[in-house]
Amino acid sequence: MIKIDRLLGVYSSPDRDPRIHSVTISLVVKTEDNLLMGDRQEVSKVKAFAVEDLPLGALSHDHDQQLQDFLRGETIIA
């Protein structure tokens, strides 16, 4: 089962990715199934973390910010 819970944010700052101006729409999704990779060209590994084990500071682009926004329960348009 997969259920979209809410919009986390729309991230569109021109400097969030030094290669291109990209837009990310992040959703909070609840699932009871296993994590599976659908796009093996973009994603090389999928792993689940407990909140206290999140690798903050070691993520690409603005993913640290997105996780912190989620943990604060915020919805961001940036």
PDB file of N, CA and C in Angstrom:
ATOM      1  N   MET A   1       0.842  -1.179   0.000  1.00  0.00           N
ATOM      2  CA  MET A   1       0.000   0.000   0.000  1.00  0.00           C
ATOM      3  C   MET A   1       0.891   1.248   0.000  1.00  0.00           C
ATOM      4  N   ILE A   2       0.576   2.188  -0.852  1.00  0.00           N
ATOM      5  CA  ILE A   2       1.280   3.471  -0.898  1.00  0.00           C
ATOM      6  C   ILE A   2       0.228   4.570  -0.836  1.00  0.00           C
ATOM      7  N   LYS A   3       0.438   5.547   0.061  1.00  0.00           N
ATOM      8  CA  LYS A   3      -0.523   6.641   0.234  1.00  0.00           C
ATOM      9  C   LYS A   3       0.235   7.957   0.298  1.00  0.00           C
ATOM     10  N   ILE A   4      -0.160   8.914  -0.546  1.00  0.00           N
ATOM     11  CA  ILE A   4       0.409  10.256  -0.456  1.00  0.00           C
ATOM     12  C   ILE A   4      -0.217  10.946   0.747  1.00  0.00           C
ATOM     13  N   ASP A   5       0.643  11.370   1.675  1.00  0.00           N
ATOM     14  CA  ASP A   5       0.178  11.994   2.912  1.00  0.00           C
ATOM     15  C   ASP A   5      -0.001  13.496   2.744  1.00  0.00           C
ATOM     16  N   ARG A   6       1.042  14.165   2.197  1.00  0.00           N
ATOM     17  CA  ARG A   6       0.966  15.621   2.042  1.00  0.00           C
ATOM     18  C   ARG A   6       2.110  16.110   1.165  1.00  0.00           C
ATOM     19  N   LEU A   7       1.977  17.351   0.729  1.00  0.00           N
ATOM     20  CA  LEU A   7       3.058  18.040   0.036  1.00  0.00           C
ATOM     21  C   LEU A   7       4.087  18.487   1.066  1.00  0.00           C
ATOM     22  N   LEU A   8       5.336  18.141   0.852  1.00  0.00           N
ATOM     23  CA  LEU A   8       6.410  18.636   1.717  1.00  0.00           C
ATOM     24  C   LEU A   8       6.886  19.986   1.214  1.00  0.00           C
ATOM     25  N   GLY A   9       7.127  20.087  -0.093  1.00  0.00           N
ATOM     26  CA  GLY A   9       7.587  21.364  -0.598  1.00  0.00           C
ATOM     27  C   GLY A   9       7.859  21.363  -2.082  1.00  0.00           C
ATOM     28  N   VAL A  10       7.996  22.572  -2.594  1.00  0.00           N
ATOM     29  CA  VAL A  10       8.441  22.795  -3.961  1.00  0.00           C
ATOM     30  C   VAL A  10       9.735  23.578  -3.839  1.00  0.00           C
ATOM     31  N   TYR A  11      10.817  22.981  -4.303  1.00  0.00           N
ATOM     32  CA  TYR A  11      12.155  23.560  -4.164  1.00  0.00           C
ATOM     33  C   TYR A  11      12.641  23.961  -5.551  1.00  0.00           C
ATOM     34  N   SER A  12      12.855  25.269  -5.751  1.00  0.00           N
ATOM     35  CA  SER A  12      13.153  25.782  -7.082  1.00  0.00           C
ATOM     36  C   SER A  12      14.224  26.860  -7.085  1.00  0.00           C
ATOM     37  N   SER A  13      14.970  27.005  -6.013  1.00  0.00           N
ATOM     38  CA  SER A  13      16.010  28.033  -5.969  1.00  0.00           C
ATOM     39  C   SER A  13      17.032  27.765  -7.076  1.00  0.00           C
ATOM     40  N   PRO A  14      17.388  28.776  -7.873  1.00  0.00           N
ATOM     41  CA  PRO A  14      18.314  28.561  -8.982  1.00  0.00           C
ATOM     42  C   PRO A  14      19.685  28.012  -8.569  1.00  0.00           C
ATOM     43  N   ASP A  15      20.089  28.216  -7.321  1.00  0.00           N
ATOM     44  CA  ASP A  15      21.417  27.755  -6.907  1.00  0.00           C
ATOM     45  C   ASP A  15      21.396  26.415  -6.156  1.00  0.00           C
ATOM     46  N   ARG A  16      20.244  25.726  -6.131  1.00  0.00           N
ATOM     47  CA  ARG A  16      20.172  24.463  -5.391  1.00  0.00           C
ATOM     48  C   ARG A  16      20.926  23.326  -6.071  1.00  0.00           C
ATOM     49  N   ASP A  17      21.145  23.415  -7.359  1.00  0.00           N
ATOM     50  CA  ASP A  17      21.931  22.431  -8.105  1.00  0.00           C
ATOM     51  C   ASP A  17      22.855  23.206  -9.022  1.00  0.00           C
ATOM     52  N   PRO A  18      24.175  23.100  -8.832  1.00  0.00           N
ATOM     53  CA  PRO A  18      25.097  23.909  -9.621  1.00  0.00           C
ATOM     54  C   PRO A  18      25.102  23.565 -11.119  1.00  0.00           C
ATOM     55  N   ARG A  19      24.556  22.432 -11.492  1.00  0.00           N
ATOM     56  CA  ARG A  19      24.570  22.023 -12.903  1.00  0.00           C
ATOM     57  C   ARG A  19      23.474  22.680 -13.720  1.00  0.00           C
ATOM     58  N   ILE A  20      22.265  22.771 -13.139  1.00  0.00           N
ATOM     59  CA  ILE A  20      21.106  23.295 -13.868  1.00  0.00           C
ATOM     60  C   ILE A  20      20.122  23.899 -12.861  1.00  0.00           C
ATOM     61  N   HIS A  21      19.213  24.705 -13.361  1.00  0.00           N
ATOM     62  CA  HIS A  21      18.105  25.167 -12.512  1.00  0.00           C
ATOM     63  C   HIS A  21      17.048  24.076 -12.545  1.00  0.00           C
ATOM     64  N   SER A  22      16.927  23.355 -11.451  1.00  0.00           N
ATOM     65  CA  SER A  22      15.977  22.252 -11.382  1.00  0.00           C
ATOM     66  C   SER A  22      14.885  22.559 -10.371  1.00  0.00           C
ATOM     67  N   VAL A  23      13.763  21.904 -10.545  1.00  0.00           N
ATOM     68  CA  VAL A  23      12.631  22.044  -9.635  1.00  0.00           C
ATOM     69  C   VAL A  23      12.323  20.665  -9.065  1.00  0.00           C
ATOM     70  N   THR A  24      12.185  20.592  -7.749  1.00  0.00           N
ATOM     71  CA  THR A  24      11.820  19.342  -7.092  1.00  0.00           C
ATOM     72  C   THR A  24      10.508  19.540  -6.350  1.00  0.00           C
ATOM     73  N   ILE A  25       9.582  18.633  -6.564  1.00  0.00           N
ATOM     74  CA  ILE A  25       8.333  18.603  -5.803  1.00  0.00           C
ATOM     75  C   ILE A  25       8.438  17.404  -4.873  1.00  0.00           C
ATOM     76  N   SER A  26       8.492  17.659  -3.565  1.00  0.00           N
ATOM     77  CA  SER A  26       8.669  16.598  -2.577  1.00  0.00           C
ATOM     78  C   SER A  26       7.346  16.288  -1.893  1.00  0.00           C
ATOM     79  N   LEU A  27       7.048  15.006  -1.805  1.00  0.00           N
ATOM     80  CA  LEU A  27       5.828  14.531  -1.163  1.00  0.00           C
ATOM     81  C   LEU A  27       6.180  13.659   0.024  1.00  0.00           C
ATOM     82  N   VAL A  28       5.337  13.676   1.034  1.00  0.00           N
ATOM     83  CA  VAL A  28       5.451  12.732   2.142  1.00  0.00           C
ATOM     84  C   VAL A  28       4.544  11.558   1.782  1.00  0.00           C
ATOM     85  N   VAL A  29       5.158  10.386   1.710  1.00  0.00           N
ATOM     86  CA  VAL A  29       4.437   9.189   1.289  1.00  0.00           C
ATOM     87  C   VAL A  29       4.521   8.152   2.397  1.00  0.00           C
ATOM     88  N   LYS A  30       3.422   7.507   2.678  1.00  0.00           N
ATOM     89  CA  LYS A  30       3.396   6.419   3.660  1.00  0.00           C
ATOM     90  C   LYS A  30       3.224   5.110   2.898  1.00  0.00           C
ATOM     91  N   THR A  31       4.027   4.107   3.296  1.00  0.00           N
ATOM     92  CA  THR A  31       3.950   2.813   2.638  1.00  0.00           C
ATOM     93  C   THR A  31       4.133   1.693   3.645  1.00  0.00           C
ATOM     94  N   GLU A  32       3.595   0.569   3.318  1.00  0.00           N
ATOM     95  CA  GLU A  32       3.794  -0.629   4.128  1.00  0.00           C
ATOM     96  C   GLU A  32       4.554  -1.680   3.322  1.00  0.00           C
ATOM     97  N   ASP A  33       5.006  -1.307   2.137  1.00  0.00           N
ATOM     98  CA  ASP A  33       5.705  -2.231   1.248  1.00  0.00           C
ATOM     99  C   ASP A  33       7.210  -2.035   1.343  1.00  0.00           C
ATOM    100  N   ASN A  34       7.950  -2.889   0.663  1.00  0.00           N
ATOM    101  CA  ASN A  34       9.401  -2.761   0.586  1.00  0.00           C
ATOM    102  C   ASN A  34       9.780  -1.611  -0.331  1.00  0.00           C
ATOM    103  N   LEU A  35      10.948  -0.995  -0.068  1.00  0.00           N
ATOM    104  CA  LEU A  35      11.465   0.053  -0.944  1.00  0.00           C
ATOM    105  C   LEU A  35      12.062  -0.590  -2.190  1.00  0.00           C
ATOM    106  N   LEU A  36      11.659  -0.119  -3.360  1.00  0.00           N
ATOM    107  CA  LEU A  36      12.181  -0.633  -4.617  1.00  0.00           C
ATOM    108  C   LEU A  36      12.678   0.514  -5.471  1.00  0.00           C
ATOM    109  N   MET A  37      13.740   0.279  -6.227  1.00  0.00           N
ATOM    110  CA  MET A  37      14.251   1.287  -7.147  1.00  0.00           C
ATOM    111  C   MET A  37      13.581   1.101  -8.500  1.00  0.00           C
ATOM    112  N   GLY A  38      13.055   2.183  -9.045  1.00  0.00           N
ATOM    113  CA  GLY A  38      12.451   2.129 -10.365  1.00  0.00           C
ATOM    114  C   GLY A  38      13.373   2.642 -11.444  1.00  0.00           C
ATOM    115  N   ASP A  39      14.217   3.604 -11.134  1.00  0.00           N
ATOM    116  CA  ASP A  39      15.107   4.229 -12.109  1.00  0.00           C
ATOM    117  C   ASP A  39      16.551   3.964 -11.696  1.00  0.00           C
ATOM    118  N   ARG A  40      17.148   2.957 -12.256  1.00  0.00           N
ATOM    119  CA  ARG A  40      18.507   2.567 -11.877  1.00  0.00           C
ATOM    120  C   ARG A  40      19.582   3.468 -12.494  1.00  0.00           C
ATOM    121  N   GLN A  41      19.215   4.349 -13.421  1.00  0.00           N
ATOM    122  CA  GLN A  41      20.188   5.299 -13.965  1.00  0.00           C
ATOM    123  C   GLN A  41      20.342   6.508 -13.051  1.00  0.00           C
ATOM    124  N   GLU A  42      19.290   6.895 -12.360  1.00  0.00           N
ATOM    125  CA  GLU A  42      19.326   8.041 -11.447  1.00  0.00           C
ATOM    126  C   GLU A  42      19.638   7.630 -10.015  1.00  0.00           C
ATOM    127  N   VAL A  43      19.187   6.438  -9.613  1.00  0.00           N
ATOM    128  CA  VAL A  43      19.316   5.992  -8.227  1.00  0.00           C
ATOM    129  C   VAL A  43      20.174   4.733  -8.200  1.00  0.00           C
ATOM    130  N   SER A  44      21.257   4.784  -7.435  1.00  0.00           N
ATOM    131  CA  SER A  44      22.135   3.616  -7.359  1.00  0.00           C
ATOM    132  C   SER A  44      21.897   2.786  -6.097  1.00  0.00           C
ATOM    133  N   LYS A  45      21.267   3.385  -5.078  1.00  0.00           N
ATOM    134  CA  LYS A  45      21.069   2.670  -3.826  1.00  0.00           C
ATOM    135  C   LYS A  45      19.911   3.306  -3.055  1.00  0.00           C
ATOM    136  N   VAL A  46      19.101   2.473  -2.419  1.00  0.00           N
ATOM    137  CA  VAL A  46      18.005   2.935  -1.569  1.00  0.00           C
ATOM    138  C   VAL A  46      18.227   2.346  -0.187  1.00  0.00           C
ATOM    139  N   LYS A  47      18.093   3.184   0.844  1.00  0.00           N
ATOM    140  CA  LYS A  47      18.299   2.710   2.207  1.00  0.00           C
ATOM    141  C   LYS A  47      17.374   3.491   3.139  1.00  0.00           C
ATOM    142  N   ALA A  48      16.820   2.814   4.118  1.00  0.00           N
ATOM    143  CA  ALA A  48      15.980   3.463   5.130  1.00  0.00           C
ATOM    144  C   ALA A  48      16.826   3.753   6.367  1.00  0.00           C
ATOM    145  N   PHE A  49      16.540   4.882   7.030  1.00  0.00           N
ATOM    146  CA  PHE A  49      17.280   5.302   8.219  1.00  0.00           C
ATOM    147  C   PHE A  49      16.318   5.634   9.338  1.00  0.00           C
ATOM    148  N   ALA A  50      16.715   5.355  10.566  1.00  0.00           N
ATOM    149  CA  ALA A  50      16.022   5.903  11.722  1.00  0.00           C
ATOM    150  C   ALA A  50      16.364   7.394  11.763  1.00  0.00           C
ATOM    151  N   VAL A  51      15.477   8.212  12.315  1.00  0.00           N
ATOM    152  CA  VAL A  51      15.698   9.665  12.337  1.00  0.00           C
ATOM    153  C   VAL A  51      17.065  10.012  12.927  1.00  0.00           C
ATOM    154  N   GLU A  52      17.440   9.356  14.021  1.00  0.00           N
ATOM    155  CA  GLU A  52      18.721   9.684  14.664  1.00  0.00           C
ATOM    156  C   GLU A  52      19.936   9.232  13.845  1.00  0.00           C
ATOM    157  N   ASP A  53      19.726   8.419  12.820  1.00  0.00           N
ATOM    158  CA  ASP A  53      20.834   7.934  11.991  1.00  0.00           C
ATOM    159  C   ASP A  53      20.890   8.590  10.614  1.00  0.00           C
ATOM    160  N   LEU A  54      20.053   9.594  10.368  1.00  0.00           N
ATOM    161  CA  LEU A  54      20.070  10.270   9.069  1.00  0.00           C
ATOM    162  C   LEU A  54      21.456  10.848   8.791  1.00  0.00           C
ATOM    163  N   PRO A  55      21.978  10.668   7.586  1.00  0.00           N
ATOM    164  CA  PRO A  55      23.320  11.171   7.270  1.00  0.00           C
ATOM    165  C   PRO A  55      23.319  12.659   6.888  1.00  0.00           C
ATOM    166  N   LEU A  56      22.741  13.494   7.739  1.00  0.00           N
ATOM    167  CA  LEU A  56      22.678  14.933   7.449  1.00  0.00           C
ATOM    168  C   LEU A  56      24.082  15.484   7.272  1.00  0.00           C
ATOM    169  N   GLY A  57      24.245  16.343   6.287  1.00  0.00           N
ATOM    170  CA  GLY A  57      25.547  16.906   5.973  1.00  0.00           C
ATOM    171  C   GLY A  57      26.278  16.127   4.892  1.00  0.00           C
ATOM    172  N   ALA A  58      25.785  14.936   4.569  1.00  0.00           N
ATOM    173  CA  ALA A  58      26.441  14.104   3.560  1.00  0.00           C
ATOM    174  C   ALA A  58      25.536  13.867   2.347  1.00  0.00           C
ATOM    175  N   LEU A  59      24.482  14.661   2.218  1.00  0.00           N
ATOM    176  CA  LEU A  59      23.530  14.479   1.124  1.00  0.00           C
ATOM    177  C   LEU A  59      23.773  15.505   0.024  1.00  0.00           C
ATOM    178  N   SER A  60      23.321  15.181  -1.167  1.00  0.00           N
ATOM    179  CA  SER A  60      23.564  16.087  -2.293  1.00  0.00           C
ATOM    180  C   SER A  60      22.537  17.217  -2.337  1.00  0.00           C
ATOM    181  N   HIS A  61      22.947  18.283  -2.989  1.00  0.00           N
ATOM    182  CA  HIS A  61      22.106  19.450  -3.254  1.00  0.00           C
ATOM    183  C   HIS A  61      21.456  19.960  -1.965  1.00  0.00           C
ATOM    184  N   ASP A  62      20.126  20.115  -1.961  1.00  0.00           N
ATOM    185  CA  ASP A  62      19.446  20.644  -0.771  1.00  0.00           C
ATOM    186  C   ASP A  62      18.637  19.569  -0.042  1.00  0.00           C
ATOM    187  N   HIS A  63      19.069  18.325  -0.153  1.00  0.00           N
ATOM    188  CA  HIS A  63      18.314  17.245   0.484  1.00  0.00           C
ATOM    189  C   HIS A  63      18.349  17.319   2.010  1.00  0.00           C
ATOM    190  N   ASP A  64      19.440  17.848   2.575  1.00  0.00           N
ATOM    191  CA  ASP A  64      19.462  18.094   4.025  1.00  0.00           C
ATOM    192  C   ASP A  64      18.308  19.016   4.409  1.00  0.00           C
ATOM    193  N   GLN A  65      18.135  20.091   3.658  1.00  0.00           N
ATOM    194  CA  GLN A  65      17.071  21.064   3.935  1.00  0.00           C
ATOM    195  C   GLN A  65      15.698  20.412   3.831  1.00  0.00           C
ATOM    196  N   GLN A  66      15.512  19.585   2.818  1.00  0.00           N
ATOM    197  CA  GLN A  66      14.219  18.918   2.655  1.00  0.00           C
ATOM    198  C   GLN A  66      13.920  18.003   3.836  1.00  0.00           C
ATOM    199  N   LEU A  67      14.904  17.257   4.302  1.00  0.00           N
ATOM    200  CA  LEU A  67      14.700  16.397   5.470  1.00  0.00           C
ATOM    201  C   LEU A  67      14.411  17.212   6.726  1.00  0.00           C
ATOM    202  N   GLN A  68      15.114  18.314   6.910  1.00  0.00           N
ATOM    203  CA  GLN A  68      14.868  19.161   8.082  1.00  0.00           C
ATOM    204  C   GLN A  68      13.475  19.784   8.023  1.00  0.00           C
ATOM    205  N   ASP A  69      13.021  20.181   6.828  1.00  0.00           N
ATOM    206  CA  ASP A  69      11.662  20.704   6.671  1.00  0.00           C
ATOM    207  C   ASP A  69      10.640  19.638   7.040  1.00  0.00           C
ATOM    208  N   PHE A  70      10.883  18.402   6.600  1.00  0.00           N
ATOM    209  CA  PHE A  70       9.983  17.299   6.949  1.00  0.00           C
ATOM    210  C   PHE A  70       9.940  17.091   8.462  1.00  0.00           C
ATOM    211  N   LEU A  71      11.096  17.054   9.103  1.00  0.00           N
ATOM    212  CA  LEU A  71      11.154  16.805  10.544  1.00  0.00           C
ATOM    213  C   LEU A  71      10.469  17.908  11.350  1.00  0.00           C
ATOM    214  N   ARG A  72      10.473  19.138  10.828  1.00  0.00           N
ATOM    215  CA  ARG A  72       9.775  20.249  11.485  1.00  0.00           C
ATOM    216  C   ARG A  72       8.285  20.276  11.143  1.00  0.00           C
ATOM    217  N   GLY A  73       7.856  19.441  10.189  1.00  0.00           N
ATOM    218  CA  GLY A  73       6.455  19.414   9.799  1.00  0.00           C
ATOM    219  C   GLY A  73       6.049  20.570   8.920  1.00  0.00           C
ATOM    220  N   GLU A  74       7.009  21.195   8.262  1.00  0.00           N
ATOM    221  CA  GLU A  74       6.738  22.377   7.449  1.00  0.00           C
ATOM    222  C   GLU A  74       6.429  22.011   5.998  1.00  0.00           C
ATOM    223  N   THR A  75       5.719  22.893   5.330  1.00  0.00           N
ATOM    224  CA  THR A  75       5.524  22.822   3.880  1.00  0.00           C
ATOM    225  C   THR A  75       6.194  24.064   3.304  1.00  0.00           C
ATOM    226  N   ILE A  76       7.097  23.850   2.347  1.00  0.00           N
ATOM    227  CA  ILE A  76       7.955  24.913   1.855  1.00  0.00           C
ATOM    228  C   ILE A  76       7.725  25.167   0.368  1.00  0.00           C
ATOM    229  N   ILE A  77       7.661  26.410  -0.012  1.00  0.00           N
ATOM    230  CA  ILE A  77       7.683  26.808  -1.415  1.00  0.00           C
ATOM    231  C   ILE A  77       8.892  27.731  -1.543  1.00  0.00           C
ATOM    232  N   ALA A  78       9.976  27.225  -2.131  1.00  0.00           N
ATOM    233  CA  ALA A  78      11.225  28.004  -2.180  1.00  0.00           C
ATOM    234  C   ALA A  78      11.890  27.859  -3.538  1.00  0.00           C
TER     235      ALA A  78
END
